[in-house]
Structures are given as C-alpha cells and as structure tokens.
ModelCIF file with pLDDT and N, C-alpha, C, O atoms, coordinates in Angstrom:
data_MODEL
#
_entry.id   MODEL 
#
_entity.id                         1 
_entity.type                       polymer 
_entity.pdbx_number_of_molecules   1 
#
_entity_poly.entity_id                      1 
_entity_poly.type                           'polypeptide(L)' 
_entity_poly.nstd_linkage                   no 
_entity_poly.nstd_monomer                   no 
_entity_poly.pdbx_seq_one_letter_code       YLQMNGLKPEDTAVYYCGSFRDLNFSDGYYKNLQSYDYWGQGTQVTVS 
_entity_poly.pdbx_seq_one_letter_code_can   YLQMNGLKPEDTAVYYCGSFRDLNFSDGYYKNLQSYDYWGQGTQVTVS 
_entity_poly.pdbx_strand_id                 A 
#
loop_
_entity_poly_seq.entity_id 
_entity_poly_seq.num 
_entity_poly_seq.mon_id 
_entity_poly_seq.hetero 
1 1  TYR n 
1 2  LEU n 
1 3  GLN n 
1 4  MET n 
1 5  ASN n 
1 6  GLY n 
1 7  LEU n 
1 8  LYS n 
1 9  PRO n 
1 10 GLU n 
1 11 ASP n 
1 12 THR n 
1 13 ALA n 
1 14 VAL n 
1 15 TYR n 
1 16 TYR n 
1 17 CYS n 
1 18 GLY n 
1 19 SER n 
1 20 PHE n 
1 21 ARG n 
1 22 ASP n 
1 23 LEU n 
1 24 ASN n 
1 25 PHE n 
1 26 SER n 
1 27 ASP n 
1 28 GLY n 
1 29 TYR n 
1 30 TYR n 
1 31 LYS n 
1 32 ASN n 
1 33 LEU n 
1 34 GLN n 
1 35 SER n 
1 36 TYR n 
1 37 ASP n 
1 38 TYR n 
1 39 TRP n 
1 40 GLY n 
1 41 GLN n 
1 42 GLY n 
1 43 THR n 
1 44 GLN n 
1 45 VAL n 
1 46 THR n 
1 47 VAL n 
1 48 SER n 
#
_struct_asym.id          A 
_struct_asym.entity_id   1 
#
loop_
_ma_qa_metric.id 
_ma_qa_metric.mode 
_ma_qa_metric.name 
_ma_qa_metric.software_group_id 
_ma_qa_metric.type 
1 global pLDDT . pLDDT 
2 local  pLDDT . pLDDT 
#
_ma_qa_metric_global.metric_id      1 
_ma_qa_metric_global.metric_value   96.35 
_ma_qa_metric_global.model_id       1 
_ma_qa_metric_global.ordinal_id     1 
#
loop_
_ma_qa_metric_local.label_asym_id 
_ma_qa_metric_local.label_comp_id 
_ma_qa_metric_local.label_seq_id 
_ma_qa_metric_local.metric_id 
_ma_qa_metric_local.metric_value 
_ma_qa_metric_local.model_id 
_ma_qa_metric_local.ordinal_id 
A TYR 1  2 98.00 1 1  
A LEU 2  2 98.00 1 2  
A GLN 3  2 98.00 1 3  
A MET 4  2 98.00 1 4  
A ASN 5  2 98.00 1 5  
A GLY 6  2 97.00 1 6  
A LEU 7  2 98.00 1 7  
A LYS 8  2 97.00 1 8  
A PRO 9  2 97.00 1 9  
A GLU 10 2 96.00 1 10 
A ASP 11 2 97.00 1 11 
A THR 12 2 98.00 1 12 
A ALA 13 2 98.00 1 13 
A VAL 14 2 98.00 1 14 
A TYR 15 2 98.00 1 15 
A TYR 16 2 98.00 1 16 
A CYS 17 2 98.00 1 17 
A GLY 18 2 97.00 1 18 
A SER 19 2 96.00 1 19 
A PHE 20 2 95.00 1 20 
A ARG 21 2 93.00 1 21 
A ASP 22 2 92.00 1 22 
A LEU 23 2 90.00 1 23 
A ASN 24 2 88.00 1 24 
A PHE 25 2 91.00 1 25 
A SER 26 2 93.00 1 26 
A ASP 27 2 94.00 1 27 
A GLY 28 2 95.00 1 28 
A TYR 29 2 96.00 1 29 
A TYR 30 2 97.00 1 30 
A LYS 31 2 97.00 1 31 
A ASN 32 2 97.00 1 32 
A LEU 33 2 97.00 1 33 
A GLN 34 2 97.00 1 34 
A SER 35 2 97.00 1 35 
A TYR 36 2 97.00 1 36 
A ASP 37 2 96.00 1 37 
A TYR 38 2 96.00 1 38 
A TRP 39 2 97.00 1 39 
A GLY 40 2 97.00 1 40 
A GLN 41 2 97.00 1 41 
A GLY 42 2 97.00 1 42 
A THR 43 2 97.00 1 43 
A GLN 44 2 98.00 1 44 
A VAL 45 2 98.00 1 45 
A THR 46 2 98.00 1 46 
A VAL 47 2 98.00 1 47 
A SER 48 2 97.00 1 48 
#
loop_
_atom_site.group_PDB 
_atom_site.id 
_atom_site.type_symbol 
_atom_site.label_atom_id 
_atom_site.label_alt_id 
_atom_site.label_comp_id 
_atom_site.label_asym_id 
_atom_site.label_entity_id 
_atom_site.label_seq_id 
_atom_site.pdbx_PDB_ins_code 
_atom_site.Cartn_x 
_atom_site.Cartn_y 
_atom_site.Cartn_z 
_atom_site.occupancy 
_atom_site.B_iso_or_equiv 
_atom_site.pdbx_formal_charge 
_atom_site.auth_seq_id 
_atom_site.auth_comp_id 
_atom_site.auth_asym_id 
_atom_site.auth_atom_id 
_atom_site.pdbx_PDB_model_num 
ATOM 1   N N  . TYR A 1 1  ? 32.278 6.661  -27.115 1.00 98.00 ? 1  TYR A N  1 
ATOM 2   C CA . TYR A 1 1  ? 33.209 7.713  -27.502 1.00 98.00 ? 1  TYR A CA 1 
ATOM 3   C C  . TYR A 1 1  ? 32.844 9.027  -26.824 1.00 98.00 ? 1  TYR A C  1 
ATOM 4   O O  . TYR A 1 1  ? 31.668 9.353  -26.667 1.00 98.00 ? 1  TYR A O  1 
ATOM 5   N N  . LEU A 1 2  ? 33.851 9.763  -26.429 1.00 98.00 ? 2  LEU A N  1 
ATOM 6   C CA . LEU A 1 2  ? 33.661 11.110 -25.913 1.00 98.00 ? 2  LEU A CA 1 
ATOM 7   C C  . LEU A 1 2  ? 34.417 12.055 -26.848 1.00 98.00 ? 2  LEU A C  1 
ATOM 8   O O  . LEU A 1 2  ? 35.648 12.081 -26.864 1.00 98.00 ? 2  LEU A O  1 
ATOM 9   N N  . GLN A 1 3  ? 33.666 12.823 -27.619 1.00 98.00 ? 3  GLN A N  1 
ATOM 10  C CA . GLN A 1 3  ? 34.258 13.797 -28.521 1.00 98.00 ? 3  GLN A CA 1 
ATOM 11  C C  . GLN A 1 3  ? 34.368 15.114 -27.781 1.00 98.00 ? 3  GLN A C  1 
ATOM 12  O O  . GLN A 1 3  ? 33.367 15.667 -27.325 1.00 98.00 ? 3  GLN A O  1 
ATOM 13  N N  . MET A 1 4  ? 35.578 15.610 -27.664 1.00 98.00 ? 4  MET A N  1 
ATOM 14  C CA . MET A 1 4  ? 35.828 16.836 -26.905 1.00 98.00 ? 4  MET A CA 1 
ATOM 15  C C  . MET A 1 4  ? 36.336 17.904 -27.855 1.00 98.00 ? 4  MET A C  1 
ATOM 16  O O  . MET A 1 4  ? 37.399 17.759 -28.457 1.00 98.00 ? 4  MET A O  1 
ATOM 17  N N  . ASN A 1 5  ? 35.576 18.971 -27.984 1.00 98.00 ? 5  ASN A N  1 
ATOM 18  C CA . ASN A 1 5  ? 35.932 20.083 -28.856 1.00 98.00 ? 5  ASN A CA 1 
ATOM 19  C C  . ASN A 1 5  ? 36.148 21.342 -28.030 1.00 98.00 ? 5  ASN A C  1 
ATOM 20  O O  . ASN A 1 5  ? 35.691 21.434 -26.891 1.00 98.00 ? 5  ASN A O  1 
ATOM 21  N N  . GLY A 1 6  ? 36.841 22.301 -28.606 1.00 97.00 ? 6  GLY A N  1 
ATOM 22  C CA . GLY A 1 6  ? 37.062 23.545 -27.905 1.00 97.00 ? 6  GLY A CA 1 
ATOM 23  C C  . GLY A 1 6  ? 37.725 23.360 -26.552 1.00 97.00 ? 6  GLY A C  1 
ATOM 24  O O  . GLY A 1 6  ? 37.334 23.985 -25.566 1.00 97.00 ? 6  GLY A O  1 
ATOM 25  N N  . LEU A 1 7  ? 38.722 22.505 -26.514 1.00 98.00 ? 7  LEU A N  1 
ATOM 26  C CA . LEU A 1 7  ? 39.332 22.163 -25.234 1.00 98.00 ? 7  LEU A CA 1 
ATOM 27  C C  . LEU A 1 7  ? 40.017 23.357 -24.587 1.00 98.00 ? 7  LEU A C  1 
ATOM 28  O O  . LEU A 1 7  ? 40.586 24.212 -25.264 1.00 98.00 ? 7  LEU A O  1 
ATOM 29  N N  . LYS A 1 8  ? 39.948 23.394 -23.263 1.00 97.00 ? 8  LYS A N  1 
ATOM 30  C CA . LYS A 1 8  ? 40.524 24.466 -22.474 1.00 97.00 ? 8  LYS A CA 1 
ATOM 31  C C  . LYS A 1 8  ? 41.539 23.879 -21.487 1.00 97.00 ? 8  LYS A C  1 
ATOM 32  O O  . LYS A 1 8  ? 41.455 22.700 -21.144 1.00 97.00 ? 8  LYS A O  1 
ATOM 33  N N  . PRO A 1 9  ? 42.481 24.680 -21.037 1.00 97.00 ? 9  PRO A N  1 
ATOM 34  C CA . PRO A 1 9  ? 43.451 24.167 -20.051 1.00 97.00 ? 9  PRO A CA 1 
ATOM 35  C C  . PRO A 1 9  ? 42.774 23.557 -18.820 1.00 97.00 ? 9  PRO A C  1 
ATOM 36  O O  . PRO A 1 9  ? 43.303 22.613 -18.232 1.00 97.00 ? 9  PRO A O  1 
ATOM 37  N N  . GLU A 1 10 ? 41.631 24.076 -18.434 1.00 96.00 ? 10 GLU A N  1 
ATOM 38  C CA . GLU A 1 10 ? 40.933 23.537 -17.264 1.00 96.00 ? 10 GLU A CA 1 
ATOM 39  C C  . GLU A 1 10 ? 40.307 22.169 -17.527 1.00 96.00 ? 10 GLU A C  1 
ATOM 40  O O  . GLU A 1 10 ? 39.795 21.542 -16.600 1.00 96.00 ? 10 GLU A O  1 
ATOM 41  N N  . ASP A 1 11 ? 40.338 21.701 -18.760 1.00 97.00 ? 11 ASP A N  1 
ATOM 42  C CA . ASP A 1 11 ? 39.880 20.341 -19.066 1.00 97.00 ? 11 ASP A CA 1 
ATOM 43  C C  . ASP A 1 11 ? 40.979 19.314 -18.789 1.00 97.00 ? 11 ASP A C  1 
ATOM 44  O O  . ASP A 1 11 ? 40.739 18.109 -18.871 1.00 97.00 ? 11 ASP A O  1 
ATOM 45  N N  . THR A 1 12 ? 42.157 19.777 -18.470 1.00 98.00 ? 12 THR A N  1 
ATOM 46  C CA . THR A 1 12 ? 43.263 18.872 -18.176 1.00 98.00 ? 12 THR A CA 1 
ATOM 47  C C  . THR A 1 12 ? 42.947 18.005 -16.966 1.00 98.00 ? 12 THR A C  1 
ATOM 48  O O  . THR A 1 12 ? 42.621 18.513 -15.893 1.00 98.00 ? 12 THR A O  1 
ATOM 49  N N  . ALA A 1 13 ? 43.045 16.693 -17.149 1.00 98.00 ? 13 ALA A N  1 
ATOM 50  C CA . ALA A 1 13 ? 42.696 15.742 -16.093 1.00 98.00 ? 13 ALA A CA 1 
ATOM 51  C C  . ALA A 1 13 ? 42.944 14.329 -16.602 1.00 98.00 ? 13 ALA A C  1 
ATOM 52  O O  . ALA A 1 13 ? 43.214 14.115 -17.784 1.00 98.00 ? 13 ALA A O  1 
ATOM 53  N N  . VAL A 1 14 ? 42.848 13.381 -15.694 1.00 98.00 ? 14 VAL A N  1 
ATOM 54  C CA . VAL A 1 14 ? 42.753 11.982 -16.094 1.00 98.00 ? 14 VAL A CA 1 
ATOM 55  C C  . VAL A 1 14 ? 41.269 11.682 -16.292 1.00 98.00 ? 14 VAL A C  1 
ATOM 56  O O  . VAL A 1 14 ? 40.446 11.949 -15.416 1.00 98.00 ? 14 VAL A O  1 
ATOM 57  N N  . TYR A 1 15 ? 40.947 11.131 -17.440 1.00 98.00 ? 15 TYR A N  1 
ATOM 58  C CA . TYR A 1 15 ? 39.562 10.822 -17.761 1.00 98.00 ? 15 TYR A CA 1 
ATOM 59  C C  . TYR A 1 15 ? 39.330 9.327  -17.576 1.00 98.00 ? 15 TYR A C  1 
ATOM 60  O O  . TYR A 1 15 ? 40.057 8.490  -18.110 1.00 98.00 ? 15 TYR A O  1 
ATOM 61  N N  . TYR A 1 16 ? 38.294 9.023  -16.801 1.00 98.00 ? 16 TYR A N  1 
ATOM 62  C CA . TYR A 1 16 ? 37.960 7.642  -16.482 1.00 98.00 ? 16 TYR A CA 1 
ATOM 63  C C  . TYR A 1 16 ? 36.609 7.261  -17.078 1.00 98.00 ? 16 TYR A C  1 
ATOM 64  O O  . TYR A 1 16 ? 35.665 8.051  -17.089 1.00 98.00 ? 16 TYR A O  1 
ATOM 65  N N  . CYS A 1 17 ? 36.549 6.052  -17.561 1.00 98.00 ? 17 CYS A N  1 
ATOM 66  C CA . CYS A 1 17 ? 35.307 5.481  -18.048 1.00 98.00 ? 17 CYS A CA 1 
ATOM 67  C C  . CYS A 1 17 ? 34.747 4.552  -16.971 1.00 98.00 ? 17 CYS A C  1 
ATOM 68  O O  . CYS A 1 17 ? 35.484 3.760  -16.384 1.00 98.00 ? 17 CYS A O  1 
ATOM 69  N N  . GLY A 1 18 ? 33.450 4.650  -16.717 1.00 97.00 ? 18 GLY A N  1 
ATOM 70  C CA . GLY A 1 18 ? 32.810 3.798  -15.736 1.00 97.00 ? 18 GLY A CA 1 
ATOM 71  C C  . GLY A 1 18 ? 31.543 3.190  -16.308 1.00 97.00 ? 18 GLY A C  1 
ATOM 72  O O  . GLY A 1 18 ? 31.017 3.669  -17.312 1.00 97.00 ? 18 GLY A O  1 
ATOM 73  N N  . SER A 1 19 ? 31.051 2.132  -15.668 1.00 96.00 ? 19 SER A N  1 
ATOM 74  C CA . SER A 1 19 ? 29.825 1.510  -16.152 1.00 96.00 ? 19 SER A CA 1 
ATOM 75  C C  . SER A 1 19 ? 29.035 0.899  -15.004 1.00 96.00 ? 19 SER A C  1 
ATOM 76  O O  . SER A 1 19 ? 29.573 0.622  -13.932 1.00 96.00 ? 19 SER A O  1 
ATOM 77  N N  . PHE A 1 20 ? 27.740 0.695  -15.256 1.00 95.00 ? 20 PHE A N  1 
ATOM 78  C CA . PHE A 1 20 ? 26.867 -0.014 -14.321 1.00 95.00 ? 20 PHE A CA 1 
ATOM 79  C C  . PHE A 1 20 ? 25.741 -0.630 -15.134 1.00 95.00 ? 20 PHE A C  1 
ATOM 80  O O  . PHE A 1 20 ? 25.437 -0.191 -16.243 1.00 95.00 ? 20 PHE A O  1 
ATOM 81  N N  . ARG A 1 21 ? 25.130 -1.656 -14.558 1.00 93.00 ? 21 ARG A N  1 
ATOM 82  C CA . ARG A 1 21 ? 24.026 -2.308 -15.252 1.00 93.00 ? 21 ARG A CA 1 
ATOM 83  C C  . ARG A 1 21 ? 22.848 -1.349 -15.309 1.00 93.00 ? 21 ARG A C  1 
ATOM 84  O O  . ARG A 1 21 ? 22.394 -0.846 -14.281 1.00 93.00 ? 21 ARG A O  1 
ATOM 85  N N  . ASP A 1 22 ? 22.360 -1.102 -16.503 1.00 92.00 ? 22 ASP A N  1 
ATOM 86  C CA . ASP A 1 22 ? 21.369 -0.075 -16.731 1.00 92.00 ? 22 ASP A CA 1 
ATOM 87  C C  . ASP A 1 22 ? 19.946 -0.625 -16.568 1.00 92.00 ? 22 ASP A C  1 
ATOM 88  O O  . ASP A 1 22 ? 19.525 -1.527 -17.293 1.00 92.00 ? 22 ASP A O  1 
ATOM 89  N N  . LEU A 1 23 ? 19.222 -0.060 -15.603 1.00 90.00 ? 23 LEU A N  1 
ATOM 90  C CA . LEU A 1 23 ? 17.830 -0.454 -15.385 1.00 90.00 ? 23 LEU A CA 1 
ATOM 91  C C  . LEU A 1 23 ? 16.908 0.745  -15.554 1.00 90.00 ? 23 LEU A C  1 
ATOM 92  O O  . LEU A 1 23 ? 15.888 0.859  -14.874 1.00 90.00 ? 23 LEU A O  1 
ATOM 93  N N  . ASN A 1 24 ? 17.280 1.636  -16.467 1.00 88.00 ? 24 ASN A N  1 
ATOM 94  C CA . ASN A 1 24 ? 16.464 2.798  -16.807 1.00 88.00 ? 24 ASN A CA 1 
ATOM 95  C C  . ASN A 1 24 ? 16.188 3.663  -15.586 1.00 88.00 ? 24 ASN A C  1 
ATOM 96  O O  . ASN A 1 24 ? 15.040 3.844  -15.182 1.00 88.00 ? 24 ASN A O  1 
ATOM 97  N N  . PHE A 1 25 ? 17.234 4.179  -15.021 1.00 91.00 ? 25 PHE A N  1 
ATOM 98  C CA . PHE A 1 25 ? 17.139 4.986  -13.817 1.00 91.00 ? 25 PHE A CA 1 
ATOM 99  C C  . PHE A 1 25 ? 16.786 6.436  -14.153 1.00 91.00 ? 25 PHE A C  1 
ATOM 100 O O  . PHE A 1 25 ? 16.696 6.814  -15.321 1.00 91.00 ? 25 PHE A O  1 
ATOM 101 N N  . SER A 1 26 ? 16.591 7.232  -13.113 1.00 93.00 ? 26 SER A N  1 
ATOM 102 C CA . SER A 1 26 ? 16.376 8.663  -13.295 1.00 93.00 ? 26 SER A CA 1 
ATOM 103 C C  . SER A 1 26 ? 17.681 9.327  -13.729 1.00 93.00 ? 26 SER A C  1 
ATOM 104 O O  . SER A 1 26 ? 18.758 8.745  -13.605 1.00 93.00 ? 26 SER A O  1 
ATOM 105 N N  . ASP A 1 27 ? 17.567 10.549 -14.239 1.00 94.00 ? 27 ASP A N  1 
ATOM 106 C CA . ASP A 1 27 ? 18.732 11.225 -14.816 1.00 94.00 ? 27 ASP A CA 1 
ATOM 107 C C  . ASP A 1 27 ? 19.884 11.338 -13.823 1.00 94.00 ? 27 ASP A C  1 
ATOM 108 O O  . ASP A 1 27 ? 21.042 11.116 -14.179 1.00 94.00 ? 27 ASP A O  1 
ATOM 109 N N  . GLY A 1 28 ? 19.572 11.674 -12.604 1.00 95.00 ? 28 GLY A N  1 
ATOM 110 C CA . GLY A 1 28 ? 20.615 11.901 -11.607 1.00 95.00 ? 28 GLY A CA 1 
ATOM 111 C C  . GLY A 1 28 ? 21.470 10.686 -11.333 1.00 95.00 ? 28 GLY A C  1 
ATOM 112 O O  . GLY A 1 28 ? 22.630 10.814 -10.942 1.00 95.00 ? 28 GLY A O  1 
ATOM 113 N N  . TYR A 1 29 ? 20.912 9.514  -11.534 1.00 96.00 ? 29 TYR A N  1 
ATOM 114 C CA . TYR A 1 29 ? 21.646 8.278  -11.268 1.00 96.00 ? 29 TYR A CA 1 
ATOM 115 C C  . TYR A 1 29 ? 22.852 8.160  -12.188 1.00 96.00 ? 29 TYR A C  1 
ATOM 116 O O  . TYR A 1 29 ? 23.914 7.698  -11.769 1.00 96.00 ? 29 TYR A O  1 
ATOM 117 N N  . TYR A 1 30 ? 22.693 8.571  -13.423 1.00 97.00 ? 30 TYR A N  1 
ATOM 118 C CA . TYR A 1 30 ? 23.774 8.452  -14.411 1.00 97.00 ? 30 TYR A CA 1 
ATOM 119 C C  . TYR A 1 30 ? 24.907 9.450  -14.135 1.00 97.00 ? 30 TYR A C  1 
ATOM 120 O O  . TYR A 1 30 ? 26.029 9.245  -14.598 1.00 97.00 ? 30 TYR A O  1 
ATOM 121 N N  . LYS A 1 31 ? 24.631 10.516 -13.393 1.00 97.00 ? 31 LYS A N  1 
ATOM 122 C CA . LYS A 1 31 ? 25.631 11.541 -13.107 1.00 97.00 ? 31 LYS A CA 1 
ATOM 123 C C  . LYS A 1 31 ? 26.341 11.323 -11.772 1.00 97.00 ? 31 LYS A C  1 
ATOM 124 O O  . LYS A 1 31 ? 27.260 12.061 -11.415 1.00 97.00 ? 31 LYS A O  1 
ATOM 125 N N  . ASN A 1 32 ? 25.908 10.318 -11.058 1.00 97.00 ? 32 ASN A N  1 
ATOM 126 C CA . ASN A 1 32 ? 26.408 10.084 -9.703  1.00 97.00 ? 32 ASN A CA 1 
ATOM 127 C C  . ASN A 1 32 ? 27.571 9.097  -9.707  1.00 97.00 ? 32 ASN A C  1 
ATOM 128 O O  . ASN A 1 32 ? 27.431 7.966  -10.173 1.00 97.00 ? 32 ASN A O  1 
ATOM 129 N N  . LEU A 1 33 ? 28.707 9.523  -9.193  1.00 97.00 ? 33 LEU A N  1 
ATOM 130 C CA . LEU A 1 33 ? 29.900 8.678  -9.131  1.00 97.00 ? 33 LEU A CA 1 
ATOM 131 C C  . LEU A 1 33 ? 29.614 7.338  -8.446  1.00 97.00 ? 33 LEU A C  1 
ATOM 132 O O  . LEU A 1 33 ? 30.144 6.306  -8.860  1.00 97.00 ? 33 LEU A O  1 
ATOM 133 N N  . GLN A 1 34 ? 28.803 7.349  -7.431  1.00 97.00 ? 34 GLN A N  1 
ATOM 134 C CA . GLN A 1 34 ? 28.537 6.148  -6.633  1.00 97.00 ? 34 GLN A CA 1 
ATOM 135 C C  . GLN A 1 34 ? 27.700 5.109  -7.382  1.00 97.00 ? 34 GLN A C  1 
ATOM 136 O O  . GLN A 1 34 ? 27.594 3.965  -6.939  1.00 97.00 ? 34 GLN A O  1 
ATOM 137 N N  . SER A 1 35 ? 27.113 5.495  -8.502  1.00 97.00 ? 35 SER A N  1 
ATOM 138 C CA . SER A 1 35 ? 26.297 4.560  -9.271  1.00 97.00 ? 35 SER A CA 1 
ATOM 139 C C  . SER A 1 35 ? 27.140 3.563  -10.052 1.00 97.00 ? 35 SER A C  1 
ATOM 140 O O  . SER A 1 35 ? 26.643 2.511  -10.452 1.00 97.00 ? 35 SER A O  1 
ATOM 141 N N  . TYR A 1 36 ? 28.384 3.877  -10.269 1.00 97.00 ? 36 TYR A N  1 
ATOM 142 C CA . TYR A 1 36 ? 29.228 3.107  -11.179 1.00 97.00 ? 36 TYR A CA 1 
ATOM 143 C C  . TYR A 1 36 ? 29.957 1.980  -10.460 1.00 97.00 ? 36 TYR A C  1 
ATOM 144 O O  . TYR A 1 36 ? 30.575 2.175  -9.413  1.00 97.00 ? 36 TYR A O  1 
ATOM 145 N N  . ASP A 1 37 ? 29.865 0.793  -11.058 1.00 96.00 ? 37 ASP A N  1 
ATOM 146 C CA . ASP A 1 37 ? 30.445 -0.403 -10.446 1.00 96.00 ? 37 ASP A CA 1 
ATOM 147 C C  . ASP A 1 37 ? 31.814 -0.777 -11.008 1.00 96.00 ? 37 ASP A C  1 
ATOM 148 O O  . ASP A 1 37 ? 32.621 -1.403 -10.320 1.00 96.00 ? 37 ASP A O  1 
ATOM 149 N N  . TYR A 1 38 ? 32.070 -0.401 -12.236 1.00 96.00 ? 38 TYR A N  1 
ATOM 150 C CA . TYR A 1 38 ? 33.318 -0.793 -12.900 1.00 96.00 ? 38 TYR A CA 1 
ATOM 151 C C  . TYR A 1 38 ? 34.002 0.443  -13.460 1.00 96.00 ? 38 TYR A C  1 
ATOM 152 O O  . TYR A 1 38 ? 33.346 1.388  -13.898 1.00 96.00 ? 38 TYR A O  1 
ATOM 153 N N  . TRP A 1 39 ? 35.325 0.422  -13.440 1.00 97.00 ? 39 TRP A N  1 
ATOM 154 C CA . TRP A 1 39 ? 36.121 1.551  -13.902 1.00 97.00 ? 39 TRP A CA 1 
ATOM 155 C C  . TRP A 1 39 ? 37.302 1.082  -14.730 1.00 97.00 ? 39 TRP A C  1 
ATOM 156 O O  . TRP A 1 39 ? 37.863 0.009  -14.510 1.00 97.00 ? 39 TRP A O  1 
ATOM 157 N N  . GLY A 1 40 ? 37.665 1.934  -15.703 1.00 97.00 ? 40 GLY A N  1 
ATOM 158 C CA . GLY A 1 40 ? 38.891 1.706  -16.434 1.00 97.00 ? 40 GLY A CA 1 
ATOM 159 C C  . GLY A 1 40 ? 40.066 2.324  -15.701 1.00 97.00 ? 40 GLY A C  1 
ATOM 160 O O  . GLY A 1 40 ? 39.914 2.882  -14.614 1.00 97.00 ? 40 GLY A O  1 
ATOM 161 N N  . GLN A 1 41 ? 41.236 2.217  -16.306 1.00 97.00 ? 41 GLN A N  1 
ATOM 162 C CA . GLN A 1 41 ? 42.469 2.709  -15.681 1.00 97.00 ? 41 GLN A CA 1 
ATOM 163 C C  . GLN A 1 41 ? 42.658 4.210  -15.865 1.00 97.00 ? 41 GLN A C  1 
ATOM 164 O O  . GLN A 1 41 ? 43.450 4.827  -15.153 1.00 97.00 ? 41 GLN A O  1 
ATOM 165 N N  . GLY A 1 42 ? 41.943 4.797  -16.806 1.00 97.00 ? 42 GLY A N  1 
ATOM 166 C CA . GLY A 1 42 ? 42.044 6.226  -17.042 1.00 97.00 ? 42 GLY A CA 1 
ATOM 167 C C  . GLY A 1 42 ? 42.998 6.559  -18.175 1.00 97.00 ? 42 GLY A C  1 
ATOM 168 O O  . GLY A 1 42 ? 43.909 5.794  -18.491 1.00 97.00 ? 42 GLY A O  1 
ATOM 169 N N  . THR A 1 43 ? 42.769 7.714  -18.777 1.00 97.00 ? 43 THR A N  1 
ATOM 170 C CA . THR A 1 43 ? 43.642 8.207  -19.842 1.00 97.00 ? 43 THR A CA 1 
ATOM 171 C C  . THR A 1 43 ? 43.873 9.700  -19.607 1.00 97.00 ? 43 THR A C  1 
ATOM 172 O O  . THR A 1 43 ? 42.941 10.449 -19.314 1.00 97.00 ? 43 THR A O  1 
ATOM 173 N N  . GLN A 1 44 ? 45.117 10.108 -19.741 1.00 98.00 ? 44 GLN A N  1 
ATOM 174 C CA . GLN A 1 44 ? 45.487 11.485 -19.445 1.00 98.00 ? 44 GLN A CA 1 
ATOM 175 C C  . GLN A 1 44 ? 45.163 12.398 -20.618 1.00 98.00 ? 44 GLN A C  1 
ATOM 176 O O  . GLN A 1 44 ? 45.493 12.105 -21.767 1.00 98.00 ? 44 GLN A O  1 
ATOM 177 N N  . VAL A 1 45 ? 44.509 13.513 -20.302 1.00 98.00 ? 45 VAL A N  1 
ATOM 178 C CA . VAL A 1 45 ? 44.260 14.579 -21.280 1.00 98.00 ? 45 VAL A CA 1 
ATOM 179 C C  . VAL A 1 45 ? 44.933 15.838 -20.747 1.00 98.00 ? 45 VAL A C  1 
ATOM 180 O O  . VAL A 1 45 ? 44.663 16.273 -19.627 1.00 98.00 ? 45 VAL A O  1 
ATOM 181 N N  . THR A 1 46 ? 45.808 16.415 -21.559 1.00 98.00 ? 46 THR A N  1 
ATOM 182 C CA . THR A 1 46 ? 46.505 17.632 -21.171 1.00 98.00 ? 46 THR A CA 1 
ATOM 183 C C  . THR A 1 46 ? 46.281 18.689 -22.248 1.00 98.00 ? 46 THR A C  1 
ATOM 184 O O  . THR A 1 46 ? 46.562 18.466 -23.426 1.00 98.00 ? 46 THR A O  1 
ATOM 185 N N  . VAL A 1 47 ? 45.775 19.832 -21.827 1.00 98.00 ? 47 VAL A N  1 
ATOM 186 C CA . VAL A 1 47 ? 45.486 20.926 -22.744 1.00 98.00 ? 47 VAL A CA 1 
ATOM 187 C C  . VAL A 1 47 ? 46.425 22.080 -22.407 1.00 98.00 ? 47 VAL A C  1 
ATOM 188 O O  . VAL A 1 47 ? 46.393 22.616 -21.299 1.00 98.00 ? 47 VAL A O  1 
ATOM 189 N N  . SER A 1 48 ? 47.254 22.453 -23.365 1.00 97.00 ? 48 SER A N  1 
ATOM 190 C CA . SER A 1 48 ? 48.206 23.533 -23.148 1.00 97.00 ? 48 SER A CA 1 
ATOM 191 C C  . SER A 1 48 ? 47.612 24.866 -23.601 1.00 97.00 ? 48 SER A C  1 
ATOM 192 O O  . SER A 1 48 ? 48.269 25.902 -23.497 1.00 97.00 ? 48 SER A O  1 
#
C-alpha cells in the first residue's frame, strides 16, 4: 500500500508498481528504475 497524504497538484501522474526478487541489496538499488523486473499497468492519480 502507498498512503498518500497532503496531496499536491504536482503529485498528479500515473503511478506504477514494480517488483524484483529481493536479495537484500543496498539502499540505492531499491530506488533505481532499472532494478525492477515486473510492472503493473499503472493507476492515474489526479490532484486538483
């Protein structure tokens, strides 16, 4: 789950969930787009 509070118009985007097999990597690995092997279709978030 991603709980988003205090949403701002600049948070407007398609949000995608990704995953990879976890082998206890360094912190930067989890933040890197290229680390992820699988992706969902995305869900639109629009903040007015």
